[in-house]
Amino acid sequence: MNLMIPVRPDATVEPRFGKDPMVAVARVDPDGTIQQWDTFQVDWDRLHDLGNEGSHHARIVTFLRDHGVDAVVATHVGAGMQRTLTSMGLPMLPSTRTDARASVSAAVIAAGGKGQQ
């Protein structure tokens, strides 16, 4: 499964989902083993205020679809983005650790390898 997590350059979890400058997409096995880790400079922090909330959410939705994201791991997701993710059928898994990779693995294990449905 592919999980997206907001990250910082030092590989820690970025707490500002939707206003984060960088994200990672991880291909993860059901046992939490990360098979692939790719980071992307998305500049959502800068782009957030360049239009209305709907256009910003559409930008994020496009990224999620383009990268085949199956679930999102985050510290916090705002109410509007929660509605967007729910309408897409994407589980929101809690980020429980400072280290982004460890947080992704822990989220998959806690969700039983399938994401929260």
N, C-alpha and C. Protein backbone atom coordinates (compact mmCIF):
# COMPACT_ATOMS: atom_id res chain seq x y z
N MET A 1 0.84 -1.17 0.00
CA MET A 1 0.00 0.00 0.00
C MET A 1 0.88 1.24 0.00
N ASN A 2 0.38 2.33 -0.57
CA ASN A 2 1.09 3.60 -0.60
C ASN A 2 0.52 4.53 0.45
N LEU A 3 1.40 5.04 1.30
CA LEU A 3 1.01 5.99 2.32
C LEU A 3 1.74 7.30 2.10
N MET A 4 1.03 8.39 2.33
CA MET A 4 1.65 9.70 2.25
C MET A 4 1.76 10.28 3.65
N ILE A 5 2.90 10.93 3.92
CA ILE A 5 3.12 11.57 5.21
C ILE A 5 3.83 12.90 4.97
N PRO A 6 3.40 13.96 5.65
CA PRO A 6 4.13 15.22 5.58
C PRO A 6 5.48 15.07 6.30
N VAL A 7 6.56 15.53 5.67
CA VAL A 7 7.89 15.36 6.25
C VAL A 7 8.68 16.67 6.20
N ARG A 8 9.70 16.70 7.04
CA ARG A 8 10.67 17.80 7.04
C ARG A 8 11.97 17.29 6.42
N PRO A 9 12.85 18.20 6.03
CA PRO A 9 14.12 17.77 5.43
C PRO A 9 14.95 16.83 6.31
N ASP A 10 14.78 16.91 7.63
CA ASP A 10 15.55 16.05 8.53
C ASP A 10 14.86 14.70 8.77
N ALA A 11 13.84 14.37 7.97
CA ALA A 11 13.12 13.09 8.01
C ALA A 11 12.21 12.94 9.22
N THR A 12 11.87 14.05 9.87
CA THR A 12 10.89 14.01 10.94
C THR A 12 9.52 14.35 10.35
N VAL A 13 8.49 14.10 11.14
CA VAL A 13 7.12 14.35 10.71
C VAL A 13 6.84 15.85 10.74
N GLU A 14 6.31 16.37 9.64
CA GLU A 14 5.86 17.76 9.56
C GLU A 14 4.42 17.79 10.08
N PRO A 15 4.11 18.58 11.09
CA PRO A 15 2.75 18.55 11.66
C PRO A 15 1.69 19.28 10.83
N ARG A 16 2.08 20.05 9.82
CA ARG A 16 1.11 20.88 9.09
C ARG A 16 0.63 20.18 7.82
N PHE A 17 -0.22 19.20 7.92
CA PHE A 17 -0.76 18.55 6.73
C PHE A 17 -1.56 19.58 5.93
N GLY A 18 -1.30 19.65 4.64
CA GLY A 18 -1.99 20.59 3.77
C GLY A 18 -1.29 21.92 3.67
N LYS A 19 -0.43 22.22 4.62
CA LYS A 19 0.38 23.44 4.56
C LYS A 19 1.86 23.06 4.66
N ASP A 20 2.16 21.86 4.27
CA ASP A 20 3.53 21.37 4.37
C ASP A 20 4.29 21.60 3.06
N PRO A 21 5.56 21.91 3.17
CA PRO A 21 6.35 22.12 1.97
C PRO A 21 6.81 20.82 1.31
N MET A 22 6.84 19.73 2.07
CA MET A 22 7.37 18.47 1.55
C MET A 22 6.56 17.29 2.08
N VAL A 23 6.37 16.29 1.24
CA VAL A 23 5.71 15.05 1.66
C VAL A 23 6.54 13.86 1.18
N ALA A 24 6.27 12.73 1.79
CA ALA A 24 6.86 11.47 1.33
C ALA A 24 5.73 10.51 1.00
N VAL A 25 5.96 9.69 0.00
CA VAL A 25 5.05 8.59 -0.32
C VAL A 25 5.85 7.32 -0.13
N ALA A 26 5.33 6.45 0.72
CA ALA A 26 6.01 5.20 1.05
C ALA A 26 5.19 4.02 0.55
N ARG A 27 5.86 3.08 -0.11
CA ARG A 27 5.23 1.80 -0.46
C ARG A 27 5.58 0.87 0.69
N VAL A 28 4.53 0.38 1.38
CA VAL A 28 4.72 -0.35 2.63
C VAL A 28 4.01 -1.70 2.56
N ASP A 29 4.71 -2.74 3.04
CA ASP A 29 4.12 -4.07 3.15
C ASP A 29 3.18 -4.10 4.35
N PRO A 30 2.24 -5.06 4.39
CA PRO A 30 1.30 -5.16 5.52
C PRO A 30 1.98 -5.31 6.88
N ASP A 31 3.24 -5.80 6.90
CA ASP A 31 3.94 -5.94 8.18
C ASP A 31 4.67 -4.66 8.60
N GLY A 32 4.50 -3.59 7.81
CA GLY A 32 5.12 -2.31 8.13
C GLY A 32 6.47 -2.08 7.49
N THR A 33 6.96 -3.04 6.73
CA THR A 33 8.25 -2.88 6.06
C THR A 33 8.12 -1.91 4.90
N ILE A 34 8.96 -0.89 4.90
CA ILE A 34 8.95 0.10 3.83
C ILE A 34 9.78 -0.41 2.66
N GLN A 35 9.15 -0.56 1.52
CA GLN A 35 9.83 -1.04 0.31
C GLN A 35 10.40 0.11 -0.54
N GLN A 36 9.73 1.25 -0.49
CA GLN A 36 10.17 2.39 -1.29
C GLN A 36 9.77 3.66 -0.56
N TRP A 37 10.61 4.69 -0.63
CA TRP A 37 10.36 5.97 0.03
C TRP A 37 10.76 7.07 -0.93
N ASP A 38 9.81 7.88 -1.34
CA ASP A 38 10.09 8.99 -2.24
C ASP A 38 9.59 10.28 -1.62
N THR A 39 10.42 11.32 -1.63
CA THR A 39 10.00 12.61 -1.11
C THR A 39 9.72 13.56 -2.28
N PHE A 40 8.80 14.48 -2.04
CA PHE A 40 8.37 15.42 -3.05
C PHE A 40 8.28 16.81 -2.44
N GLN A 41 8.84 17.78 -3.11
CA GLN A 41 8.71 19.19 -2.70
C GLN A 41 7.40 19.68 -3.29
N VAL A 42 6.36 19.83 -2.46
CA VAL A 42 5.03 20.20 -2.94
C VAL A 42 4.70 21.68 -2.74
N ASP A 43 5.39 22.34 -1.83
CA ASP A 43 5.21 23.77 -1.56
C ASP A 43 3.77 24.13 -1.18
N TRP A 44 3.07 23.23 -0.52
CA TRP A 44 1.68 23.52 -0.13
C TRP A 44 1.61 24.64 0.90
N ASP A 45 2.69 24.87 1.62
CA ASP A 45 2.72 26.00 2.55
C ASP A 45 2.61 27.31 1.77
N ARG A 46 3.36 27.44 0.71
CA ARG A 46 3.36 28.65 -0.11
C ARG A 46 2.09 28.76 -0.95
N LEU A 47 1.63 27.63 -1.48
CA LEU A 47 0.48 27.63 -2.38
C LEU A 47 -0.87 27.72 -1.67
N HIS A 48 -0.89 27.45 -0.37
CA HIS A 48 -2.14 27.38 0.38
C HIS A 48 -3.01 28.62 0.20
N ASP A 49 -2.42 29.79 0.25
CA ASP A 49 -3.20 31.03 0.22
C ASP A 49 -3.30 31.66 -1.18
N LEU A 50 -2.92 30.91 -2.21
CA LEU A 50 -2.98 31.44 -3.57
C LEU A 50 -4.31 31.17 -4.27
N GLY A 51 -5.29 30.79 -3.54
CA GLY A 51 -6.62 30.52 -4.09
C GLY A 51 -7.54 30.20 -2.94
N ASN A 52 -8.72 29.71 -3.27
CA ASN A 52 -9.64 29.35 -2.19
C ASN A 52 -9.33 27.95 -1.66
N GLU A 53 -9.99 27.60 -0.58
CA GLU A 53 -9.74 26.30 0.05
C GLU A 53 -10.03 25.15 -0.90
N GLY A 54 -11.08 25.28 -1.71
CA GLY A 54 -11.43 24.22 -2.66
C GLY A 54 -10.34 23.97 -3.68
N SER A 55 -9.71 25.03 -4.18
CA SER A 55 -8.65 24.84 -5.17
C SER A 55 -7.42 24.22 -4.52
N HIS A 56 -7.17 24.57 -3.26
CA HIS A 56 -6.02 23.96 -2.57
C HIS A 56 -6.28 22.48 -2.31
N HIS A 57 -7.48 22.14 -1.89
CA HIS A 57 -7.81 20.73 -1.67
C HIS A 57 -7.73 19.96 -2.99
N ALA A 58 -8.15 20.58 -4.08
CA ALA A 58 -8.06 19.92 -5.39
C ALA A 58 -6.60 19.63 -5.75
N ARG A 59 -5.70 20.55 -5.40
CA ARG A 59 -4.27 20.35 -5.65
C ARG A 59 -3.78 19.11 -4.90
N ILE A 60 -4.20 18.98 -3.64
CA ILE A 60 -3.78 17.84 -2.82
C ILE A 60 -4.41 16.55 -3.35
N VAL A 61 -5.67 16.60 -3.72
CA VAL A 61 -6.36 15.43 -4.28
C VAL A 61 -5.64 14.94 -5.54
N THR A 62 -5.25 15.86 -6.39
CA THR A 62 -4.53 15.49 -7.62
C THR A 62 -3.23 14.77 -7.27
N PHE A 63 -2.50 15.29 -6.29
CA PHE A 63 -1.26 14.63 -5.87
C PHE A 63 -1.55 13.22 -5.36
N LEU A 64 -2.54 13.09 -4.49
CA LEU A 64 -2.87 11.79 -3.92
C LEU A 64 -3.24 10.78 -5.00
N ARG A 65 -4.03 11.20 -5.96
CA ARG A 65 -4.43 10.30 -7.05
C ARG A 65 -3.25 9.97 -7.96
N ASP A 66 -2.46 10.99 -8.30
CA ASP A 66 -1.32 10.77 -9.19
C ASP A 66 -0.30 9.80 -8.61
N HIS A 67 -0.23 9.72 -7.29
CA HIS A 67 0.75 8.85 -6.63
C HIS A 67 0.12 7.60 -6.02
N GLY A 68 -1.13 7.33 -6.34
CA GLY A 68 -1.77 6.10 -5.88
C GLY A 68 -1.79 5.94 -4.38
N VAL A 69 -2.01 7.03 -3.66
CA VAL A 69 -1.99 6.99 -2.21
C VAL A 69 -3.23 6.26 -1.69
N ASP A 70 -3.00 5.31 -0.78
CA ASP A 70 -4.07 4.49 -0.19
C ASP A 70 -4.49 4.98 1.19
N ALA A 71 -3.62 5.73 1.87
CA ALA A 71 -3.92 6.25 3.20
C ALA A 71 -2.96 7.39 3.49
N VAL A 72 -3.35 8.22 4.44
CA VAL A 72 -2.55 9.37 4.86
C VAL A 72 -2.16 9.17 6.31
N VAL A 73 -0.89 9.41 6.62
CA VAL A 73 -0.41 9.38 7.99
C VAL A 73 -0.10 10.83 8.36
N ALA A 74 -0.70 11.32 9.44
CA ALA A 74 -0.50 12.72 9.80
C ALA A 74 -0.73 12.94 11.29
N THR A 75 -0.12 14.00 11.79
CA THR A 75 -0.32 14.43 13.17
C THR A 75 -1.67 15.09 13.32
N HIS A 76 -2.02 15.93 12.34
CA HIS A 76 -3.28 16.68 12.40
C HIS A 76 -3.76 16.92 10.97
N VAL A 77 -5.06 16.75 10.75
CA VAL A 77 -5.69 17.06 9.47
C VAL A 77 -6.90 17.94 9.79
N GLY A 78 -6.98 19.11 9.16
CA GLY A 78 -8.10 20.02 9.40
C GLY A 78 -9.42 19.41 8.97
N ALA A 79 -10.51 19.97 9.50
CA ALA A 79 -11.85 19.42 9.25
C ALA A 79 -12.19 19.37 7.76
N GLY A 80 -11.89 20.41 7.01
CA GLY A 80 -12.19 20.42 5.58
C GLY A 80 -11.43 19.35 4.83
N MET A 81 -10.15 19.19 5.16
CA MET A 81 -9.35 18.16 4.50
C MET A 81 -9.79 16.77 4.94
N GLN A 82 -10.23 16.63 6.19
CA GLN A 82 -10.76 15.34 6.65
C GLN A 82 -11.96 14.94 5.80
N ARG A 83 -12.86 15.90 5.53
CA ARG A 83 -14.02 15.60 4.68
C ARG A 83 -13.59 15.19 3.28
N THR A 84 -12.58 15.88 2.75
CA THR A 84 -12.08 15.55 1.41
C THR A 84 -11.50 14.14 1.38
N LEU A 85 -10.67 13.81 2.35
CA LEU A 85 -10.07 12.47 2.40
C LEU A 85 -11.12 11.39 2.59
N THR A 86 -12.11 11.67 3.45
CA THR A 86 -13.19 10.71 3.67
C THR A 86 -13.98 10.49 2.38
N SER A 87 -14.26 11.56 1.65
CA SER A 87 -15.01 11.40 0.40
C SER A 87 -14.21 10.61 -0.64
N MET A 88 -12.88 10.64 -0.53
CA MET A 88 -12.03 9.85 -1.43
C MET A 88 -11.89 8.41 -0.95
N GLY A 89 -12.37 8.12 0.26
CA GLY A 89 -12.22 6.78 0.82
C GLY A 89 -10.82 6.51 1.33
N LEU A 90 -10.08 7.57 1.66
CA LEU A 90 -8.71 7.40 2.15
C LEU A 90 -8.67 7.44 3.67
N PRO A 91 -8.18 6.38 4.29
CA PRO A 91 -8.04 6.38 5.74
C PRO A 91 -7.01 7.41 6.19
N MET A 92 -7.24 7.97 7.37
CA MET A 92 -6.29 8.86 8.02
C MET A 92 -5.72 8.11 9.21
N LEU A 93 -4.45 7.82 9.17
CA LEU A 93 -3.78 7.08 10.23
C LEU A 93 -2.95 8.04 11.06
N PRO A 94 -2.94 7.88 12.37
CA PRO A 94 -2.22 8.82 13.22
C PRO A 94 -0.71 8.65 13.14
N SER A 95 -0.03 9.78 13.09
CA SER A 95 1.42 9.79 13.20
C SER A 95 1.74 9.72 14.69
N THR A 96 2.49 8.71 15.08
CA THR A 96 2.74 8.48 16.51
C THR A 96 4.18 8.69 16.91
N ARG A 97 5.03 8.99 15.96
CA ARG A 97 6.46 9.11 16.25
C ARG A 97 7.02 10.36 15.58
N THR A 98 8.15 10.79 16.05
CA THR A 98 8.83 11.94 15.44
C THR A 98 9.44 11.55 14.11
N ASP A 99 10.05 10.37 14.03
CA ASP A 99 10.68 9.88 12.81
C ASP A 99 9.60 9.47 11.82
N ALA A 100 9.62 10.04 10.63
CA ALA A 100 8.56 9.81 9.64
C ALA A 100 8.48 8.35 9.21
N ARG A 101 9.62 7.73 8.93
CA ARG A 101 9.60 6.32 8.50
C ARG A 101 9.04 5.42 9.60
N ALA A 102 9.48 5.63 10.81
CA ALA A 102 8.99 4.81 11.93
C ALA A 102 7.50 5.05 12.14
N SER A 103 7.05 6.27 11.93
CA SER A 103 5.63 6.58 12.09
C SER A 103 4.79 5.87 11.05
N VAL A 104 5.26 5.84 9.80
CA VAL A 104 4.53 5.13 8.74
C VAL A 104 4.45 3.64 9.06
N SER A 105 5.56 3.04 9.43
CA SER A 105 5.55 1.61 9.76
C SER A 105 4.61 1.32 10.93
N ALA A 106 4.67 2.14 11.97
CA ALA A 106 3.81 1.93 13.14
C ALA A 106 2.34 2.08 12.78
N ALA A 107 2.02 3.05 11.90
CA ALA A 107 0.62 3.26 11.50
C ALA A 107 0.07 2.05 10.76
N VAL A 108 0.88 1.47 9.88
CA VAL A 108 0.43 0.29 9.13
C VAL A 108 0.22 -0.90 10.06
N ILE A 109 1.15 -1.10 10.97
CA ILE A 109 1.03 -2.21 11.93
C ILE A 109 -0.20 -2.02 12.82
N ALA A 110 -0.39 -0.79 13.33
CA ALA A 110 -1.54 -0.52 14.20
C ALA A 110 -2.87 -0.72 13.47
N ALA A 111 -2.87 -0.46 12.17
CA ALA A 111 -4.11 -0.62 11.38
C ALA A 111 -4.26 -2.04 10.86
N GLY A 112 -3.42 -2.93 11.28
CA GLY A 112 -3.51 -4.32 10.85
C GLY A 112 -3.10 -4.52 9.40
N GLY A 113 -2.27 -3.61 8.87
CA GLY A 113 -1.76 -3.76 7.52
C GLY A 113 -2.72 -3.39 6.42
N LYS A 114 -3.89 -2.89 6.76
CA LYS A 114 -4.90 -2.62 5.74
C LYS A 114 -5.40 -1.18 5.75
N GLY A 115 -4.91 -0.36 6.65
CA GLY A 115 -5.47 0.98 6.79
C GLY A 115 -6.77 0.87 7.57
N GLN A 116 -7.27 1.99 8.03
CA GLN A 116 -8.53 1.99 8.77
C GLN A 116 -9.68 2.17 7.80
N GLN A 117 -10.60 1.28 7.78
CA GLN A 117 -11.73 1.36 6.85
C GLN A 117 -12.96 1.86 7.57
